[in-house]
Amino acid sequence: SYPVLDEVVSVMNQYSEYSLNISGHTDNVGDDKLNQNLSERRAKRCYDYLVSKGIAAARIAYAGYGETKPVGDNKTAAGREQNRRVEFELYVK
């Protein structure tokens, strides 16, 4: 995942007017509370990495959504894999 994170750093450095929302997600396997916590930790790890690379913390927000926003079918292994993700949303304030 570091190559993707480094691309985000590059974009954020190139476009100083951009801000970023980071969203962590999980599949539906396991306890709801644990999945919520896992999704928050996924998003926070990305946030911490970007800040460690010099991106201003004020330009980044992060949140975990647990298993509440699936993009794939949790009944299949492929769908669950799609749901274990972090999404980056760039925007201009």
C-alpha atoms as a PDB file:
ATOM      1  CA  SER A   1       0.000   0.000   0.000  1.00  0.00           C
ATOM      2  CA  TYR A   2       2.976   2.346   0.323  1.00  0.00           C
ATOM      3  CA  PRO A   3       3.158   3.038  -3.432  1.00  0.00           C
ATOM      4  CA  VAL A   4      -0.472   4.190  -3.353  1.00  0.00           C
ATOM      5  CA  LEU A   5       0.131   6.295  -0.255  1.00  0.00           C
ATOM      6  CA  ASP A   6       3.204   7.831  -1.870  1.00  0.00           C
ATOM      7  CA  GLU A   7       1.085   8.747  -4.901  1.00  0.00           C
ATOM      8  CA  VAL A   8      -1.367  10.485  -2.568  1.00  0.00           C
ATOM      9  CA  VAL A   9       1.547  12.378  -0.989  1.00  0.00           C
ATOM     10  CA  SER A  10       2.684  13.444  -4.450  1.00  0.00           C
ATOM     11  CA  VAL A  11      -0.771  14.715  -5.405  1.00  0.00           C
ATOM     12  CA  MET A  12      -1.196  16.536  -2.103  1.00  0.00           C
ATOM     13  CA  ASN A  13       2.214  18.172  -2.536  1.00  0.00           C
ATOM     14  CA  GLN A  14       1.460  19.153  -6.126  1.00  0.00           C
ATOM     15  CA  TYR A  15      -1.986  20.608  -5.366  1.00  0.00           C
ATOM     16  CA  SER A  16      -1.782  22.563  -2.135  1.00  0.00           C
ATOM     17  CA  GLU A  17      -5.413  23.658  -2.419  1.00  0.00           C
ATOM     18  CA  TYR A  18      -6.631  20.048  -2.069  1.00  0.00           C
ATOM     19  CA  SER A  19      -7.832  18.485   1.147  1.00  0.00           C
ATOM     20  CA  LEU A  20      -8.413  14.797   1.735  1.00  0.00           C
ATOM     21  CA  ASN A  21     -10.977  12.536   3.403  1.00  0.00           C
ATOM     22  CA  ILE A  22      -9.779   9.038   4.281  1.00  0.00           C
ATOM     23  CA  SER A  23     -12.417   6.331   4.847  1.00  0.00           C
ATOM     24  CA  GLY A  24     -11.638   2.924   6.331  1.00  0.00           C
ATOM     25  CA  HIS A  25     -13.912  -0.072   5.675  1.00  0.00           C
ATOM     26  CA  THR A  26     -14.175  -3.787   6.514  1.00  0.00           C
ATOM     27  CA  ASP A  27     -16.130  -6.822   5.419  1.00  0.00           C
ATOM     28  CA  ASN A  28     -18.879  -8.223   7.655  1.00  0.00           C
ATOM     29  CA  VAL A  29     -16.879 -11.117   9.118  1.00  0.00           C
ATOM     30  CA  GLY A  30     -16.517 -10.833  12.876  1.00  0.00           C
ATOM     31  CA  ASP A  31     -17.886  -8.583  15.571  1.00  0.00           C
ATOM     32  CA  ASP A  32     -19.387  -5.219  14.569  1.00  0.00           C
ATOM     33  CA  LYS A  33     -17.416  -3.324  17.239  1.00  0.00           C
ATOM     34  CA  LEU A  34     -14.143  -4.962  16.256  1.00  0.00           C
ATOM     35  CA  ASN A  35     -14.780  -4.179  12.591  1.00  0.00           C
ATOM     36  CA  GLN A  36     -15.545  -0.557  13.451  1.00  0.00           C
ATOM     37  CA  ASN A  37     -12.301  -0.305  15.395  1.00  0.00           C
ATOM     38  CA  LEU A  38     -10.342  -1.993  12.592  1.00  0.00           C
ATOM     39  CA  SER A  39     -11.720   0.405   9.992  1.00  0.00           C
ATOM     40  CA  GLU A  40     -10.809   3.393  12.154  1.00  0.00           C
ATOM     41  CA  ARG A  41      -7.274   2.065  12.627  1.00  0.00           C
ATOM     42  CA  ARG A  42      -6.890   1.514   8.871  1.00  0.00           C
ATOM     43  CA  ALA A  43      -7.864   5.101   8.136  1.00  0.00           C
ATOM     44  CA  LYS A  44      -5.705   6.475  10.967  1.00  0.00           C
ATOM     45  CA  ARG A  45      -2.631   4.562   9.764  1.00  0.00           C
ATOM     46  CA  CYS A  46      -2.991   6.205   6.361  1.00  0.00           C
ATOM     47  CA  TYR A  47      -3.479   9.601   8.006  1.00  0.00           C
ATOM     48  CA  ASP A  48      -0.380   9.094  10.171  1.00  0.00           C
ATOM     49  CA  TYR A  49       1.696   8.074   7.160  1.00  0.00           C
ATOM     50  CA  LEU A  50       0.672  11.138   5.142  1.00  0.00           C
ATOM     51  CA  VAL A  51       1.389  13.447   8.060  1.00  0.00           C
ATOM     52  CA  SER A  52       4.789  11.766   8.554  1.00  0.00           C
ATOM     53  CA  LYS A  53       5.554  12.623   4.924  1.00  0.00           C
ATOM     54  CA  GLY A  54       4.894  16.313   5.537  1.00  0.00           C
ATOM     55  CA  ILE A  55       1.237  16.701   4.587  1.00  0.00           C
ATOM     56  CA  ALA A  56      -0.416  19.162   6.984  1.00  0.00           C
ATOM     57  CA  ALA A  57      -2.785  17.428   9.371  1.00  0.00           C
ATOM     58  CA  ALA A  58      -5.288  20.259   8.894  1.00  0.00           C
ATOM     59  CA  ARG A  59      -5.732  19.164   5.260  1.00  0.00           C
ATOM     60  CA  ILE A  60      -6.724  15.590   6.164  1.00  0.00           C
ATOM     61  CA  ALA A  61      -9.734  14.039   7.895  1.00  0.00           C
ATOM     62  CA  TYR A  62     -10.257  10.346   8.523  1.00  0.00           C
ATOM     63  CA  ALA A  63     -13.065   8.080   9.678  1.00  0.00           C
ATOM     64  CA  GLY A  64     -13.861   4.402   9.958  1.00  0.00           C
ATOM     65  CA  TYR A  65     -17.148   2.982   8.750  1.00  0.00           C
ATOM     66  CA  GLY A  66     -16.727  -0.661   9.709  1.00  0.00           C
ATOM     67  CA  GLU A  67     -18.924  -2.914   7.611  1.00  0.00           C
ATOM     68  CA  THR A  68     -21.653  -0.303   6.971  1.00  0.00           C
ATOM     69  CA  LYS A  69     -20.704   0.699   3.410  1.00  0.00           C
ATOM     70  CA  PRO A  70     -19.953  -2.439   1.397  1.00  0.00           C
ATOM     71  CA  VAL A  71     -19.071  -2.190  -2.288  1.00  0.00           C
ATOM     72  CA  GLY A  72     -18.963  -5.957  -2.813  1.00  0.00           C
ATOM     73  CA  ASP A  73     -21.138  -8.904  -1.842  1.00  0.00           C
ATOM     74  CA  ASN A  74     -20.150 -10.101   1.631  1.00  0.00           C
ATOM     75  CA  LYS A  75     -21.451 -13.575   0.716  1.00  0.00           C
ATOM     76  CA  THR A  76     -18.416 -14.204  -1.511  1.00  0.00           C
ATOM     77  CA  ALA A  77     -14.681 -14.136  -0.834  1.00  0.00           C
ATOM     78  CA  ALA A  78     -14.159 -11.716  -3.737  1.00  0.00           C
ATOM     79  CA  GLY A  79     -16.832  -9.388  -2.404  1.00  0.00           C
ATOM     80  CA  ARG A  80     -15.418  -9.449   1.116  1.00  0.00           C
ATOM     81  CA  GLU A  81     -11.986  -8.641  -0.312  1.00  0.00           C
ATOM     82  CA  GLN A  82     -13.453  -5.583  -2.074  1.00  0.00           C
ATOM     83  CA  ASN A  83     -14.988  -4.425   1.195  1.00  0.00           C
ATOM     84  CA  ARG A  84     -11.680  -4.492   3.093  1.00  0.00           C
ATOM     85  CA  ARG A  85     -10.404  -1.174   1.834  1.00  0.00           C
ATOM     86  CA  VAL A  86      -9.408   2.427   2.435  1.00  0.00           C
ATOM     87  CA  GLU A  87     -10.805   5.135   0.191  1.00  0.00           C
ATOM     88  CA  PHE A  88      -9.301   8.565  -0.491  1.00  0.00           C
ATOM     89  CA  GLU A  89     -11.506  11.474  -1.504  1.00  0.00           C
ATOM     90  CA  LEU A  90      -9.778  14.636  -2.668  1.00  0.00           C
ATOM     91  CA  TYR A  91     -11.674  17.914  -2.570  1.00  0.00           C
ATOM     92  CA  VAL A  92     -11.073  21.659  -2.677  1.00  0.00           C
ATOM     93  CA  LYS A  93     -12.249  23.621   0.351  1.00  0.00           C
END
